[in-house]
Amino acid sequence: MAREAREQAPRPFAVVYEIGDREDCEVAAYGLAFPDRAETTAVDDGHHTRSGSVEHALALYARFAAAENLRAHLVWLDGDTGGGTVAHDLATSPRNA
Protein backbone atom coordinates (compact mmCIF):
# COMPACT_ATOMS: atom_id res chain seq x y z
CA MET A 1 0.00 0.00 0.00
CA ALA A 2 2.75 2.45 0.87
CA ARG A 3 4.46 1.93 -2.48
CA GLU A 4 1.19 2.48 -4.34
CA ALA A 5 0.53 5.65 -2.34
CA ARG A 6 4.05 6.97 -3.06
CA GLU A 7 3.73 6.23 -6.78
CA GLN A 8 0.44 8.12 -7.01
CA ALA A 9 1.40 11.01 -4.73
CA PRO A 10 1.20 14.53 -6.17
CA ARG A 11 4.48 16.38 -6.70
CA PRO A 12 5.12 19.23 -4.20
CA PHE A 13 6.25 22.65 -5.39
CA ALA A 14 6.46 26.26 -4.26
CA VAL A 15 5.84 29.52 -6.06
CA VAL A 16 8.59 31.92 -5.02
CA TYR A 17 8.82 35.62 -5.83
CA GLU A 18 12.29 36.90 -6.64
CA ILE A 19 12.50 40.52 -5.50
CA GLY A 20 14.63 42.82 -7.64
CA ASP A 21 17.69 41.33 -9.28
CA ARG A 22 18.14 38.41 -6.84
CA GLU A 23 18.07 40.87 -3.95
CA ASP A 24 15.66 38.77 -1.90
CA CYS A 25 12.88 36.23 -2.27
CA GLU A 26 9.54 35.36 -0.71
CA VAL A 27 7.53 32.14 -0.83
CA ALA A 28 4.10 33.09 -2.18
CA ALA A 29 2.46 29.65 -2.16
CA TYR A 30 2.92 25.94 -1.76
CA GLY A 31 1.31 23.53 -4.16
CA LEU A 32 0.73 20.00 -5.30
CA ALA A 33 1.00 18.95 -8.94
CA PHE A 34 -1.43 16.21 -9.96
CA PRO A 35 -1.47 14.62 -13.44
CA ASP A 36 -4.52 16.69 -14.45
CA ARG A 37 -4.22 19.84 -12.31
CA ALA A 38 -2.22 21.89 -9.81
CA GLU A 39 -3.51 23.15 -6.48
CA THR A 40 -1.89 25.92 -4.46
CA THR A 41 -2.35 27.54 -1.07
CA ALA A 42 -1.04 31.07 -0.57
CA VAL A 43 1.28 31.57 2.39
CA ASP A 44 -0.01 34.99 3.44
CA ASP A 45 -3.78 34.39 3.49
CA GLY A 46 -4.37 30.69 2.82
CA HIS A 47 -6.13 31.42 -0.48
CA HIS A 48 -6.59 28.18 -2.42
CA THR A 49 -6.36 27.98 -6.21
CA ARG A 50 -6.85 25.17 -8.69
CA SER A 51 -5.29 25.39 -12.15
CA GLY A 52 -5.05 23.11 -15.16
CA SER A 53 -1.25 22.77 -14.77
CA VAL A 54 1.70 24.06 -12.76
CA GLU A 55 2.48 26.45 -15.61
CA HIS A 56 -0.98 27.98 -15.30
CA ALA A 57 -0.61 28.22 -11.52
CA LEU A 58 2.72 30.00 -11.97
CA ALA A 59 1.20 32.42 -14.49
CA LEU A 60 -1.61 33.16 -12.03
CA TYR A 61 0.83 34.05 -9.25
CA ALA A 62 2.84 36.16 -11.68
CA ARG A 63 -0.34 38.20 -12.22
CA PHE A 64 -0.97 38.39 -8.45
CA ALA A 65 2.38 40.14 -7.94
CA ALA A 66 1.79 43.84 -7.36
CA ALA A 67 5.30 45.20 -7.81
CA GLU A 68 7.01 45.27 -11.19
CA ASN A 69 10.33 44.19 -9.67
CA LEU A 70 9.04 40.66 -8.85
CA ARG A 71 9.59 37.46 -10.82
CA ALA A 72 7.55 34.36 -10.08
CA HIS A 73 9.49 31.08 -9.99
CA LEU A 74 8.29 27.48 -9.74
CA VAL A 75 10.50 25.49 -7.36
CA TRP A 76 10.08 21.70 -7.16
CA LEU A 77 10.39 20.50 -3.56
CA ASP A 78 10.87 16.77 -4.11
CA GLY A 79 14.02 14.81 -4.79
CA ASP A 80 13.20 14.07 -8.44
CA THR A 81 15.14 17.10 -9.67
CA GLY A 82 17.65 17.44 -6.88
CA GLY A 83 15.18 19.10 -4.49
CA GLY A 84 14.54 22.80 -4.57
CA THR A 85 15.20 23.09 -8.29
CA VAL A 86 13.81 26.14 -10.07
CA ALA A 87 11.89 24.78 -13.03
CA HIS A 88 10.14 27.79 -14.52
CA ASP A 89 10.04 31.51 -13.99
CA LEU A 90 7.86 34.33 -15.23
CA ALA A 91 8.59 38.02 -15.02
CA THR A 92 5.68 40.11 -13.87
CA SER A 93 5.15 42.73 -16.50
CA PRO A 94 2.30 44.07 -18.63
CA ARG A 95 3.01 41.47 -21.34
CA ASN A 96 2.44 38.64 -18.83
CA ALA A 97 -0.67 40.16 -17.27
PDB file of N, CA and C in Angstrom:
ATOM      1  N   MET A   1       0.816  -1.201   0.000  1.00  0.00           N
ATOM      2  CA  MET A   1       0.000   0.000   0.000  1.00  0.00           C
ATOM      3  C   MET A   1       0.859   1.265   0.000  1.00  0.00           C
ATOM      4  N   ALA A   2       1.896   1.253   0.791  1.00  0.00           N
ATOM      5  CA  ALA A   2       2.747   2.447   0.872  1.00  0.00           C
ATOM      6  C   ALA A   2       3.387   2.751  -0.475  1.00  0.00           C
ATOM      7  N   ARG A   3       3.845   1.705  -1.170  1.00  0.00           N
ATOM      8  CA  ARG A   3       4.461   1.925  -2.480  1.00  0.00           C
ATOM      9  C   ARG A   3       3.452   2.512  -3.458  1.00  0.00           C
ATOM     10  N   GLU A   4       2.248   1.978  -3.465  1.00  0.00           N
ATOM     11  CA  GLU A   4       1.191   2.482  -4.342  1.00  0.00           C
ATOM     12  C   GLU A   4       0.881   3.949  -4.027  1.00  0.00           C
ATOM     13  N   ALA A   5       0.803   4.266  -2.749  1.00  0.00           N
ATOM     14  CA  ALA A   5       0.532   5.652  -2.343  1.00  0.00           C
ATOM     15  C   ALA A   5       1.657   6.580  -2.785  1.00  0.00           C
ATOM     16  N   ARG A   6       2.912   6.142  -2.628  1.00  0.00           N
ATOM     17  CA  ARG A   6       4.049   6.969  -3.056  1.00  0.00           C
ATOM     18  C   ARG A   6       4.047   7.178  -4.564  1.00  0.00           C
ATOM     19  N   GLU A   7       3.736   6.132  -5.320  1.00  0.00           N
ATOM     20  CA  GLU A   7       3.731   6.235  -6.776  1.00  0.00           C
ATOM     21  C   GLU A   7       2.649   7.174  -7.294  1.00  0.00           C
ATOM     22  N   GLN A   8       1.553   7.278  -6.564  1.00  0.00           N
ATOM     23  CA  GLN A   8       0.444   8.119  -7.006  1.00  0.00           C
ATOM     24  C   GLN A   8       0.422   9.491  -6.329  1.00  0.00           C
ATOM     25  N   ALA A   9       1.384   9.747  -5.475  1.00  0.00           N
ATOM     26  CA  ALA A   9       1.404  11.007  -4.727  1.00  0.00           C
ATOM     27  C   ALA A   9       1.616  12.195  -5.661  1.00  0.00           C
ATOM     28  N   PRO A  10       0.955  13.317  -5.370  1.00  0.00           N
ATOM     29  CA  PRO A  10       1.201  14.527  -6.166  1.00  0.00           C
ATOM     30  C   PRO A  10       2.604  15.062  -5.883  1.00  0.00           C
ATOM     31  N   ARG A  11       3.124  15.833  -6.816  1.00  0.00           N
ATOM     32  CA  ARG A  11       4.478  16.379  -6.698  1.00  0.00           C
ATOM     33  C   ARG A  11       4.425  17.754  -6.021  1.00  0.00           C
ATOM     34  N   PRO A  12       5.160  17.944  -4.911  1.00  0.00           N
ATOM     35  CA  PRO A  12       5.121  19.227  -4.199  1.00  0.00           C
ATOM     36  C   PRO A  12       5.993  20.294  -4.874  1.00  0.00           C
ATOM     37  N   PHE A  13       5.494  21.523  -4.830  1.00  0.00           N
ATOM     38  CA  PHE A  13       6.249  22.646  -5.385  1.00  0.00           C
ATOM     39  C   PHE A  13       5.935  23.908  -4.599  1.00  0.00           C
ATOM     40  N   ALA A  14       6.707  24.937  -4.838  1.00  0.00           N
ATOM     41  CA  ALA A  14       6.461  26.257  -4.256  1.00  0.00           C
ATOM     42  C   ALA A  14       6.506  27.290  -5.374  1.00  0.00           C
ATOM     43  N   VAL A  15       5.739  28.349  -5.195  1.00  0.00           N
ATOM     44  CA  VAL A  15       5.841  29.519  -6.061  1.00  0.00           C
ATOM     45  C   VAL A  15       6.587  30.564  -5.237  1.00  0.00           C
ATOM     46  N   VAL A  16       7.731  30.992  -5.751  1.00  0.00           N
ATOM     47  CA  VAL A  16       8.593  31.916  -5.021  1.00  0.00           C
ATOM     48  C   VAL A  16       8.759  33.186  -5.841  1.00  0.00           C
ATOM     49  N   TYR A  17       8.584  34.332  -5.173  1.00  0.00           N
ATOM     50  CA  TYR A  17       8.816  35.615  -5.828  1.00  0.00           C
ATOM     51  C   TYR A  17      10.264  36.030  -5.612  1.00  0.00           C
ATOM     52  N   GLU A  18      10.954  36.308  -6.693  1.00  0.00           N
ATOM     53  CA  GLU A  18      12.285  36.901  -6.635  1.00  0.00           C
ATOM     54  C   GLU A  18      12.084  38.407  -6.621  1.00  0.00           C
ATOM     55  N   ILE A  19      12.669  39.076  -5.653  1.00  0.00           N
ATOM     56  CA  ILE A  19      12.504  40.518  -5.495  1.00  0.00           C
ATOM     57  C   ILE A  19      13.742  41.209  -6.057  1.00  0.00           C
ATOM     58  N   GLY A  20      13.508  42.120  -7.015  1.00  0.00           N
ATOM     59  CA  GLY A  20      14.631  42.816  -7.641  1.00  0.00           C
ATOM     60  C   GLY A  20      15.491  41.853  -8.431  1.00  0.00           C
ATOM     61  N   ASP A  21      16.747  42.177  -8.555  1.00  0.00           N
ATOM     62  CA  ASP A  21      17.687  41.325  -9.280  1.00  0.00           C
ATOM     63  C   ASP A  21      18.380  40.405  -8.280  1.00  0.00           C
ATOM     64  N   ARG A  22      17.654  39.380  -7.833  1.00  0.00           N
ATOM     65  CA  ARG A  22      18.137  38.414  -6.841  1.00  0.00           C
ATOM     66  C   ARG A  22      18.488  39.069  -5.513  1.00  0.00           C
ATOM     67  N   GLU A  23      17.822  40.189  -5.202  1.00  0.00           N
ATOM     68  CA  GLU A  23      18.074  40.874  -3.945  1.00  0.00           C
ATOM     69  C   GLU A  23      17.507  40.095  -2.771  1.00  0.00           C
ATOM     70  N   ASP A  24      16.352  39.479  -2.977  1.00  0.00           N
ATOM     71  CA  ASP A  24      15.661  38.769  -1.904  1.00  0.00           C
ATOM     72  C   ASP A  24      14.616  37.871  -2.547  1.00  0.00           C
ATOM     73  N   CYS A  25      13.972  37.053  -1.744  1.00  0.00           N
ATOM     74  CA  CYS A  25      12.883  36.232  -2.265  1.00  0.00           C
ATOM     75  C   CYS A  25      11.840  36.019  -1.180  1.00  0.00           C
ATOM     76  N   GLU A  26      10.666  35.595  -1.615  1.00  0.00           N
ATOM     77  CA  GLU A  26       9.545  35.361  -0.708  1.00  0.00           C
ATOM     78  C   GLU A  26       8.719  34.204  -1.265  1.00  0.00           C
ATOM     79  N   VAL A  27       8.399  33.237  -0.410  1.00  0.00           N
ATOM     80  CA  VAL A  27       7.531  32.139  -0.831  1.00  0.00           C
ATOM     81  C   VAL A  27       6.107  32.669  -0.854  1.00  0.00           C
ATOM     82  N   ALA A  28       5.479  32.608  -2.018  1.00  0.00           N
ATOM     83  CA  ALA A  28       4.104  33.088  -2.175  1.00  0.00           C
ATOM     84  C   ALA A  28       3.094  31.986  -1.899  1.00  0.00           C
ATOM     85  N   ALA A  29       3.415  30.750  -2.312  1.00  0.00           N
ATOM     86  CA  ALA A  29       2.459  29.651  -2.158  1.00  0.00           C
ATOM     87  C   ALA A  29       3.175  28.312  -2.202  1.00  0.00           C
ATOM     88  N   TYR A  30       2.503  27.332  -1.639  1.00  0.00           N
ATOM     89  CA  TYR A  30       2.922  25.940  -1.764  1.00  0.00           C
ATOM     90  C   TYR A  30       1.857  25.215  -2.549  1.00  0.00           C
ATOM     91  N   GLY A  31       2.285  24.223  -3.330  1.00  0.00           N
ATOM     92  CA  GLY A  31       1.313  23.532  -4.157  1.00  0.00           C
ATOM     93  C   GLY A  31       1.607  22.066  -4.345  1.00  0.00           C
ATOM     94  N   LEU A  32       0.623  21.404  -4.940  1.00  0.00           N
ATOM     95  CA  LEU A  32       0.726  19.995  -5.302  1.00  0.00           C
ATOM     96  C   LEU A  32       0.372  19.858  -6.769  1.00  0.00           C
ATOM     97  N   ALA A  33       1.235  19.181  -7.513  1.00  0.00           N
ATOM     98  CA  ALA A  33       1.002  18.948  -8.939  1.00  0.00           C
ATOM     99  C   ALA A  33       0.442  17.543  -9.126  1.00  0.00           C
ATOM    100  N   PHE A  34      -0.771  17.467  -9.625  1.00  0.00           N
ATOM    101  CA  PHE A  34      -1.427  16.211  -9.960  1.00  0.00           C
ATOM    102  C   PHE A  34      -1.309  16.020 -11.470  1.00  0.00           C
ATOM    103  N   PRO A  35      -1.568  14.824 -11.986  1.00  0.00           N
ATOM    104  CA  PRO A  35      -1.470  14.622 -13.438  1.00  0.00           C
ATOM    105  C   PRO A  35      -2.382  15.542 -14.252  1.00  0.00           C
ATOM    106  N   ASP A  36      -3.535  15.905 -13.694  1.00  0.00           N
ATOM    107  CA  ASP A  36      -4.520  16.690 -14.449  1.00  0.00           C
ATOM    108  C   ASP A  36      -4.747  18.100 -13.925  1.00  0.00           C
ATOM    109  N   ARG A  37      -3.989  18.520 -12.897  1.00  0.00           N
ATOM    110  CA  ARG A  37      -4.218  19.842 -12.310  1.00  0.00           C
ATOM    111  C   ARG A  37      -3.095  20.186 -11.327  1.00  0.00           C
ATOM    112  N   ALA A  38      -3.110  21.438 -10.877  1.00  0.00           N
ATOM    113  CA  ALA A  38      -2.218  21.891  -9.814  1.00  0.00           C
ATOM    114  C   ALA A  38      -3.059  22.667  -8.811  1.00  0.00           C
ATOM    115  N   GLU A  39      -2.812  22.432  -7.542  1.00  0.00           N
ATOM    116  CA  GLU A  39      -3.514  23.149  -6.484  1.00  0.00           C
ATOM    117  C   GLU A  39      -2.490  23.874  -5.635  1.00  0.00           C
ATOM    118  N   THR A  40      -2.803  25.123  -5.273  1.00  0.00           N
ATOM    119  CA  THR A  40      -1.887  25.916  -4.461  1.00  0.00           C
ATOM    120  C   THR A  40      -2.619  26.524  -3.277  1.00  0.00           C
ATOM    121  N   THR A  41      -1.851  26.809  -2.235  1.00  0.00           N
ATOM    122  CA  THR A  41      -2.347  27.537  -1.074  1.00  0.00           C
ATOM    123  C   THR A  41      -1.367  28.668  -0.804  1.00  0.00           C
ATOM    124  N   ALA A  42      -1.885  29.898  -0.799  1.00  0.00           N
ATOM    125  CA  ALA A  42      -1.043  31.074  -0.568  1.00  0.00           C
ATOM    126  C   ALA A  42      -0.557  31.101   0.875  1.00  0.00           C
ATOM    127  N   VAL A  43       0.682  31.514   1.066  1.00  0.00           N
ATOM    128  CA  VAL A  43       1.279  31.569   2.390  1.00  0.00           C
ATOM    129  C   VAL A  43       0.652  32.670   3.233  1.00  0.00           C
ATOM    130  N   ASP A  44       0.429  33.843   2.647  1.00  0.00           N
ATOM    131  CA  ASP A  44      -0.014  34.990   3.443  1.00  0.00           C
ATOM    132  C   ASP A  44      -1.464  34.913   3.908  1.00  0.00           C
ATOM    133  N   ASP A  45      -2.364  34.376   3.094  1.00  0.00           N
ATOM    134  CA  ASP A  45      -3.776  34.390   3.491  1.00  0.00           C
ATOM    135  C   ASP A  45      -4.485  33.045   3.353  1.00  0.00           C
ATOM    136  N   GLY A  46      -3.768  32.011   2.950  1.00  0.00           N
ATOM    137  CA  GLY A  46      -4.369  30.694   2.821  1.00  0.00           C
ATOM    138  C   GLY A  46      -5.284  30.519   1.622  1.00  0.00           C
ATOM    139  N   HIS A  47      -5.279  31.500   0.715  1.00  0.00           N
ATOM    140  CA  HIS A  47      -6.129  31.424  -0.480  1.00  0.00           C
ATOM    141  C   HIS A  47      -5.776  30.179  -1.281  1.00  0.00           C
ATOM    142  N   HIS A  48      -6.785  29.432  -1.684  1.00  0.00           N
ATOM    143  CA  HIS A  48      -6.589  28.179  -2.418  1.00  0.00           C
ATOM    144  C   HIS A  48      -6.931  28.389  -3.886  1.00  0.00           C
ATOM    145  N   THR A  49      -6.074  27.907  -4.779  1.00  0.00           N
ATOM    146  CA  THR A  49      -6.359  27.977  -6.212  1.00  0.00           C
ATOM    147  C   THR A  49      -6.233  26.589  -6.817  1.00  0.00           C
ATOM    148  N   ARG A  50      -6.929  26.418  -7.915  1.00  0.00           N
ATOM    149  CA  ARG A  50      -6.852  25.174  -8.688  1.00  0.00           C
ATOM    150  C   ARG A  50      -6.676  25.568 -10.145  1.00  0.00           C
ATOM    151  N   SER A  51      -5.623  25.055 -10.771  1.00  0.00           N
ATOM    152  CA  SER A  51      -5.291  25.391 -12.153  1.00  0.00           C
ATOM    153  C   SER A  51      -5.158  24.110 -12.965  1.00  0.00           C
ATOM    154  N   GLY A  52      -5.172  24.255 -14.274  1.00  0.00           N
ATOM    155  CA  GLY A  52      -5.045  23.106 -15.156  1.00  0.00           C
ATOM    156  C   GLY A  52      -3.659  22.496 -15.190  1.00  0.00           C
ATOM    157  N   SER A  53      -2.637  23.264 -14.764  1.00  0.00           N
ATOM    158  CA  SER A  53      -1.255  22.775 -14.772  1.00  0.00           C
ATOM    159  C   SER A  53      -0.414  23.666 -13.861  1.00  0.00           C
ATOM    160  N   VAL A  54       0.813  23.221 -13.570  1.00  0.00           N
ATOM    161  CA  VAL A  54       1.697  24.056 -12.757  1.00  0.00           C
ATOM    162  C   VAL A  54       2.075  25.331 -13.503  1.00  0.00           C
ATOM    163  N   GLU A  55       2.170  25.253 -14.825  1.00  0.00           N
ATOM    164  CA  GLU A  55       2.484  26.449 -15.609  1.00  0.00           C
ATOM    165  C   GLU A  55       1.377  27.491 -15.482  1.00  0.00           C
ATOM    166  N   HIS A  56       0.133  27.047 -15.481  1.00  0.00           N
ATOM    167  CA  HIS A  56      -0.982  27.983 -15.301  1.00  0.00           C
ATOM    168  C   HIS A  56      -1.000  28.554 -13.883  1.00  0.00           C
ATOM    169  N   ALA A  57      -0.681  27.728 -12.896  1.00  0.00           N
ATOM    170  CA  ALA A  57      -0.607  28.221 -11.517  1.00  0.00           C
ATOM    171  C   ALA A  57       0.479  29.280 -11.393  1.00  0.00           C
ATOM    172  N   LEU A  58       1.630  29.033 -11.998  1.00  0.00           N
ATOM    173  CA  LEU A  58       2.725  30.002 -11.968  1.00  0.00           C
ATOM    174  C   LEU A  58       2.315  31.305 -12.639  1.00  0.00           C
ATOM    175  N   ALA A  59       1.657  31.212 -13.781  1.00  0.00           N
ATOM    176  CA  ALA A  59       1.198  32.418 -14.487  1.00  0.00           C
ATOM    177  C   ALA A  59       0.210  33.201 -13.635  1.00  0.00           C
ATOM    178  N   LEU A  60      -0.649  32.493 -12.903  1.00  0.00           N
ATOM    179  CA  LEU A  60      -1.614  33.158 -12.028  1.00  0.00           C
ATOM    180  C   LEU A  60      -0.898  33.948 -10.935  1.00  0.00           C
ATOM    181  N   TYR A  61       0.091  33.339 -10.296  1.00  0.00           N
ATOM    182  CA  TYR A  61       0.827  34.052  -9.246  1.00  0.00           C
ATOM    183  C   TYR A  61       1.668  35.186  -9.815  1.00  0.00           C
ATOM    184  N   ALA A  62       2.125  35.052 -11.035  1.00  0.00           N
ATOM    185  CA  ALA A  62       2.842  36.157 -11.676  1.00  0.00           C
ATOM    186  C   ALA A  62       1.910  37.360 -11.811  1.00  0.00           C
ATOM    187  N   ARG A  63       0.634  37.096 -12.111  1.00  0.00           N
ATOM    188  CA  ARG A  63      -0.338  38.198 -12.217  1.00  0.00           C
ATOM    189  C   ARG A  63      -0.707  38.763 -10.850  1.00  0.00           C
ATOM    190  N   PHE A  64      -0.667  37.922  -9.803  1.00  0.00           N
ATOM    191  CA  PHE A  64      -0.968  38.393  -8.446  1.00  0.00           C
ATOM    192  C   PHE A  64       0.071  39.393  -7.949  1.00  0.00           C
ATOM    193  N   ALA A  65       1.297  39.294  -8.426  1.00  0.00           N
ATOM    194  CA  ALA A  65       2.384  40.143  -7.938  1.00  0.00           C
ATOM    195  C   ALA A  65       2.072  41.601  -8.235  1.00  0.00           C
ATOM    196  N   ALA A  66       2.140  42.429  -7.213  1.00  0.00           N
ATOM    197  CA  ALA A  66       1.785  43.841  -7.364  1.00  0.00           C
ATOM    198  C   ALA A  66       2.951  44.680  -7.887  1.00  0.00           C
ATOM    199  N   ALA A  67       4.143  44.383  -7.441  1.00  0.00           N
ATOM    200  CA  ALA A  67       5.301  45.202  -7.810  1.00  0.00           C
ATOM    201  C   ALA A  67       5.925  44.705  -9.109  1.00  0.00           C
ATOM    202  N   GLU A  68       6.404  45.629  -9.909  1.00  0.00           N
ATOM    203  CA  GLU A  68       7.013  45.268 -11.191  1.00  0.00           C
ATOM    204  C   GLU A  68       8.400  44.656 -11.039  1.00  0.00           C
ATOM    205  N   ASN A  69       8.983  44.742  -9.852  1.00  0.00           N
ATOM    206  CA  ASN A  69      10.327  44.186  -9.666  1.00  0.00           C
ATOM    207  C   ASN A  69      10.292  42.750  -9.139  1.00  0.00           C
ATOM    208  N   LEU A  70       9.162  42.052  -9.293  1.00  0.00           N
ATOM    209  CA  LEU A  70       9.042  40.663  -8.854  1.00  0.00           C
ATOM    210  C   LEU A  70       9.051  39.716 -10.044  1.00  0.00           C
ATOM    211  N   ARG A  71       9.663  38.562  -9.847  1.00  0.00           N
ATOM    212  CA  ARG A  71       9.595  37.463 -10.821  1.00  0.00           C
ATOM    213  C   ARG A  71       9.064  36.251 -10.075  1.00  0.00           C
ATOM    214  N   ALA A  72       8.114  35.571 -10.678  1.00  0.00           N
ATOM    215  CA  ALA A  72       7.553  34.362 -10.081  1.00  0.00           C
ATOM    216  C   ALA A  72       8.328  33.150 -10.585  1.00  0.00           C
ATOM    217  N   HIS A  73       8.739  32.290  -9.664  1.00  0.00           N
ATOM    218  CA  HIS A  73       9.488  31.078  -9.994  1.00  0.00           C
ATOM    219  C   HIS A  73       8.747  29.859  -9.466  1.00  0.00           C
ATOM    220  N   LEU A  74       8.799  28.768 -10.197  1.00  0.00           N
ATOM    221  CA  LEU A  74       8.285  27.483  -9.742  1.00  0.00           C
ATOM    222  C   LEU A  74       9.473  26.675  -9.236  1.00  0.00           C
ATOM    223  N   VAL A  75       9.409  26.249  -7.979  1.00  0.00           N
ATOM    224  CA  VAL A  75      10.496  25.492  -7.364  1.00  0.00           C
ATOM    225  C   VAL A  75       9.955  24.126  -6.947  1.00  0.00           C
ATOM    226  N   TRP A  76      10.481  23.063  -7.543  1.00  0.00           N
ATOM    227  CA  TRP A  76      10.081  21.705  -7.159  1.00  0.00           C
ATOM    228  C   TRP A  76      10.700  21.374  -5.814  1.00  0.00           C
ATOM    229  N   LEU A  77       9.929  20.772  -4.921  1.00  0.00           N
ATOM    230  CA  LEU A  77      10.392  20.501  -3.564  1.00  0.00           C
ATOM    231  C   LEU A  77      10.726  19.036  -3.309  1.00  0.00           C
ATOM    232  N   ASP A  78      10.570  18.193  -4.302  1.00  0.00           N
ATOM    233  CA  ASP A  78      10.866  16.773  -4.108  1.00  0.00           C
ATOM    234  C   ASP A  78      12.277  16.448  -4.577  1.00  0.00           C
ATOM    235  N   GLY A  79      12.674  15.221  -4.415  1.00  0.00           N
ATOM    236  CA  GLY A  79      14.017  14.808  -4.787  1.00  0.00           C
ATOM    237  C   GLY A  79      14.185  14.459  -6.248  1.00  0.00           C
ATOM    238  N   ASP A  80      13.104  14.484  -7.042  1.00  0.00           N
ATOM    239  CA  ASP A  80      13.196  14.072  -8.440  1.00  0.00           C
ATOM    240  C   ASP A  80      14.136  14.940  -9.260  1.00  0.00           C
ATOM    241  N   THR A  81      14.263  16.203  -8.908  1.00  0.00           N
ATOM    242  CA  THR A  81      15.137  17.097  -9.671  1.00  0.00           C
ATOM    243  C   THR A  81      16.210  17.695  -8.768  1.00  0.00           C
ATOM    244  N   GLY A  82      16.608  16.951  -7.764  1.00  0.00           N
ATOM    245  CA  GLY A  82      17.649  17.437  -6.879  1.00  0.00           C
ATOM    246  C   GLY A  82      17.104  18.217  -5.697  1.00  0.00           C
ATOM    247  N   GLY A  83      15.785  18.378  -5.605  1.00  0.00           N
ATOM    248  CA  GLY A  83      15.183  19.101  -4.491  1.00  0.00           C
ATOM    249  C   GLY A  83      15.439  20.585  -4.579  1.00  0.00           C
ATOM    250  N   GLY A  84      14.404  21.363  -4.549  1.00  0.00           N
ATOM    251  CA  GLY A  84      14.538  22.804  -4.574  1.00  0.00           C
ATOM    252  C   GLY A  84      15.000  23.360  -5.900  1.00  0.00           C
ATOM    253  N   THR A  85      14.767  22.648  -6.972  1.00  0.00           N
ATOM    254  CA  THR A  85      15.203  23.091  -8.289  1.00  0.00           C
ATOM    255  C   THR A  85      14.198  24.048  -8.907  1.00  0.00           C
ATOM    256  N   VAL A  86      14.678  25.192  -9.378  1.00  0.00           N
ATOM    257  CA  VAL A  86      13.813  26.140 -10.072  1.00  0.00           C
ATOM    258  C   VAL A  86      13.542  25.587 -11.458  1.00  0.00           C
ATOM    259  N   ALA A  87      12.266  25.387 -11.755  1.00  0.00           N
ATOM    260  CA  ALA A  87      11.891  24.783 -13.027  1.00  0.00           C
ATOM    261  C   ALA A  87      11.431  25.805 -14.051  1.00  0.00           C
ATOM    262  N   HIS A  88      10.696  26.785 -13.616  1.00  0.00           N
ATOM    263  CA  HIS A  88      10.136  27.791 -14.519  1.00  0.00           C
ATOM    264  C   HIS A  88      10.202  29.140 -13.815  1.00  0.00           C
ATOM    265  N   ASP A  89      10.223  30.197 -14.578  1.00  0.00           N
ATOM    266  CA  ASP A  89      10.036  31.514 -13.991  1.00  0.00           C
ATOM    267  C   ASP A  89       9.311  32.405 -14.977  1.00  0.00           C
ATOM    268  N   LEU A  90       8.583  33.355 -14.431  1.00  0.00           N
ATOM    269  CA  LEU A  90       7.858  34.333 -15.233  1.00  0.00           C
ATOM    270  C   LEU A  90       8.099  35.705 -14.649  1.00  0.00           C
ATOM    271  N   ALA A  91       8.475  36.637 -15.471  1.00  0.00           N
ATOM    272  CA  ALA A  91       8.594  38.021 -15.023  1.00  0.00           C
ATOM    273  C   ALA A  91       7.201  38.610 -14.953  1.00  0.00           C
ATOM    274  N   THR A  92       6.952  39.413 -13.937  1.00  0.00           N
ATOM    275  CA  THR A  92       5.681  40.109 -13.874  1.00  0.00           C
ATOM    276  C   THR A  92       5.837  41.415 -14.617  1.00  0.00           C
ATOM    277  N   SER A  93       5.108  41.526 -15.683  1.00  0.00           N
ATOM    278  CA  SER A  93       5.149  42.727 -16.501  1.00  0.00           C
ATOM    279  C   SER A  93       3.846  42.813 -17.266  1.00  0.00           C
ATOM    280  N   PRO A  94       3.549  43.946 -17.883  1.00  0.00           N
ATOM    281  CA  PRO A  94       2.297  44.071 -18.625  1.00  0.00           C
ATOM    282  C   PRO A  94       2.113  42.987 -19.688  1.00  0.00           C
ATOM    283  N   ARG A  95       3.185  42.493 -20.302  1.00  0.00           N
ATOM    284  CA  ARG A  95       3.015  41.473 -21.339  1.00  0.00           C
ATOM    285  C   ARG A  95       2.586  40.130 -20.761  1.00  0.00           C
ATOM    286  N   ASN A  96       2.843  39.894 -19.465  1.00  0.00           N
ATOM    287  CA  ASN A  96       2.438  38.644 -18.833  1.00  0.00           C
ATOM    288  C   ASN A  96       1.122  38.770 -18.089  1.00  0.00           C
ATOM    289  N   ALA A  97       0.567  39.949 -18.033  1.00  0.00           N
ATOM    290  CA  ALA A  97      -0.669  40.159 -17.272  1.00  0.00           C
ATOM    291  C   ALA A  97      -1.874  39.696 -18.051  1.00  0.00           C
TER     292      ALA A  97
END
